[in-house]
Protein backbone atom coordinates (compact mmCIF):
# COMPACT_ATOMS: atom_id res chain seq x y z
CA MET A 1 5.84 -27.63 -41.78
CA LYS A 2 3.29 -25.04 -42.93
CA TYR A 3 0.77 -26.48 -40.51
CA SER A 4 3.08 -26.05 -37.50
CA SER A 5 3.91 -22.48 -38.50
CA LEU A 6 0.24 -21.71 -38.84
CA LEU A 7 -0.51 -23.36 -35.49
CA PHE A 8 2.31 -21.42 -33.84
CA ALA A 9 1.02 -18.14 -35.30
CA PHE A 10 -2.50 -18.93 -34.08
CA ILE A 11 -1.33 -19.79 -30.55
CA PHE A 12 0.89 -16.70 -30.44
CA SER A 13 -1.96 -14.41 -31.51
CA LEU A 14 -4.26 -16.05 -28.97
CA LEU A 15 -1.72 -15.44 -26.20
CA MET A 16 -1.28 -11.83 -27.27
CA ALA A 17 -5.04 -11.29 -27.21
CA CYS A 18 -5.23 -12.67 -23.67
CA ASP A 19 -2.32 -10.47 -22.62
CA ASN A 20 -4.01 -7.38 -24.10
CA LYS A 21 -7.23 -8.25 -22.27
CA THR A 22 -5.32 -8.54 -18.99
CA ASP A 23 -3.59 -5.22 -19.63
CA GLY A 24 -6.97 -3.59 -20.22
CA GLN A 25 -8.40 -5.06 -17.02
CA ILE A 26 -5.36 -3.87 -15.07
CA GLU A 27 -5.74 -0.36 -16.49
CA GLU A 28 -9.46 -0.28 -15.64
CA LEU A 29 -8.87 -1.48 -12.09
CA ASN A 30 -5.99 0.94 -11.65
CA ALA A 31 -8.33 3.81 -12.53
CA VAL A 32 -10.92 2.50 -10.04
CA LEU A 33 -8.27 2.19 -7.33
CA MET A 34 -6.93 5.68 -7.96
CA LYS A 35 -10.46 7.09 -7.81
CA GLY A 36 -11.10 5.22 -4.55
CA HIS A 37 -7.87 6.57 -3.12
CA ASP A 38 -8.68 10.11 -4.21
CA GLU A 39 -12.11 9.93 -2.57
CA VAL A 40 -11.08 8.51 0.79
CA MET A 41 -7.66 10.12 1.30
CA PRO A 42 -8.93 13.65 2.03
CA LYS A 43 -11.28 12.15 4.62
CA THR A 44 -8.41 10.20 6.14
CA MET A 45 -6.32 13.34 6.35
CA ALA A 46 -9.12 15.05 8.32
CA ILE A 47 -9.25 12.32 10.97
CA ALA A 48 -6.63 13.88 13.26
CA ASP A 49 -8.64 17.11 13.57
CA ILE A 50 -11.88 15.20 14.03
CA LYS A 51 -10.31 13.13 16.83
CA LYS A 52 -9.13 16.31 18.52
CA ASP A 53 -12.65 17.79 18.39
CA LEU A 54 -14.08 14.48 19.58
CA MET A 55 -11.83 14.35 22.63
CA GLU A 56 -12.61 17.99 23.49
CA ALA A 57 -16.33 17.23 23.33
CA ALA A 58 -15.88 14.07 25.40
CA ALA A 59 -13.99 15.96 28.11
CA LYS A 60 -17.21 17.85 28.87
CA GLY A 61 -19.27 14.67 29.18
CA THR A 62 -19.85 11.82 31.57
CA GLU A 63 -17.69 8.73 31.97
CA THR A 64 -20.06 6.93 29.59
CA ASP A 65 -19.57 9.72 27.07
CA LYS A 66 -15.82 9.39 27.42
CA GLU A 67 -16.00 5.64 26.87
CA SER A 68 -18.15 6.16 23.76
CA ALA A 69 -15.74 8.78 22.46
CA LEU A 70 -12.81 6.45 23.05
CA GLN A 71 -14.50 3.74 20.98
CA ILE A 72 -15.27 6.22 18.20
CA SER A 73 -11.68 7.46 18.34
CA THR A 74 -10.43 3.88 18.08
CA ASN A 75 -12.60 3.35 14.99
CA LEU A 76 -11.24 6.54 13.46
CA GLN A 77 -7.67 5.44 14.15
CA LYS A 78 -8.33 2.04 12.62
CA ALA A 79 -9.77 3.67 9.48
CA GLU A 80 -6.69 5.89 9.22
CA ASP A 81 -4.28 3.00 9.78
CA ASP A 82 -6.15 0.84 7.28
CA MET A 83 -5.90 3.55 4.65
CA TYR A 84 -2.14 3.82 5.03
CA GLU A 85 -1.80 0.03 4.94
CA TRP A 86 -3.97 -0.05 1.80
CA MET A 87 -1.78 2.57 0.14
CA LYS A 88 1.34 0.56 0.97
CA ASN A 89 -0.22 -2.57 -0.52
CA PHE A 90 -1.36 -0.66 -3.60
CA GLY A 91 2.14 0.68 -4.10
CA VAL A 92 3.60 -2.81 -3.91
CA ALA A 93 1.01 -4.18 -6.34
CA MET A 94 1.52 -1.29 -8.73
CA ASN A 95 5.32 -1.09 -8.67
CA ASP A 96 6.73 -4.42 -7.53
CA VAL A 97 4.41 -7.08 -8.97
CA LYS A 98 5.46 -7.89 -12.52
CA ASP A 99 3.26 -10.93 -13.24
CA LYS A 100 0.13 -9.51 -14.84
CA ASN A 101 -2.21 -12.20 -13.55
CA GLU A 102 -0.94 -11.72 -10.00
CA LYS A 103 -1.27 -7.93 -10.38
CA LEU A 104 -4.84 -8.35 -11.62
CA LYS A 105 -5.64 -10.58 -8.63
CA LEU A 106 -4.14 -8.09 -6.17
CA TYR A 107 -5.91 -5.16 -7.83
CA SER A 108 -9.23 -6.99 -7.50
CA GLU A 109 -8.58 -7.56 -3.79
CA LEU A 110 -7.55 -3.93 -3.35
CA GLU A 111 -10.77 -2.81 -5.04
CA THR A 112 -12.82 -4.75 -2.49
CA GLU A 113 -10.69 -3.36 0.33
CA VAL A 114 -10.95 0.29 -0.78
CA LYS A 115 -14.75 0.01 -0.92
CA LYS A 116 -14.83 -1.32 2.65
CA LEU A 117 -12.26 1.23 3.72
CA THR A 118 -14.36 4.05 2.28
CA LEU A 119 -17.45 2.86 4.17
CA ASP A 120 -15.53 2.37 7.42
CA THR A 121 -13.96 5.82 7.15
CA GLU A 122 -17.24 7.54 6.34
CA ASN A 123 -19.08 5.72 9.14
CA SER A 124 -16.37 6.51 11.69
CA ILE A 125 -16.33 10.17 10.74
CA ALA A 126 -20.13 10.37 10.80
CA SER A 127 -20.21 8.83 14.30
CA ALA A 128 -17.59 11.28 15.52
CA LYS A 129 -19.36 14.29 14.04
CA LYS A 130 -22.66 13.17 15.54
CA PHE A 131 -21.04 12.79 18.96
CA ILE A 132 -19.39 16.20 18.67
CA GLU A 133 -22.67 17.83 17.64
CA GLU A 134 -24.54 16.22 20.54
CA HIS A 135 -21.94 17.33 23.08
CA LYS A 136 -21.34 20.94 22.15
């Protein structure tokens, strides 16, 4: 009887340790995701103005310039749409997913996505600004 109580206590403490580790990983990833959001969101919010400037610059150019600007504008729109989709998915993972292992898995995926999203947004904005500068 003592042996089973001791075994139960050991297994319980082992499970609690694993749960605490998962909680810590979730907290760490949450901080990374919030930081990623806070870095890319202001850039995303600037996209509408950048697209406006891009289209004004393209209006002065050739048909080839207009086609290039349209592709750049499409990339900007995709970056913006992807950011809002990422935020929706982050909200679901943060608020609706109760299973800690599933939340950890989703947070890891969201971390990969926010890194790609940041690069895509920065590259799209850089391309637009370069086009605008070249067509002033």
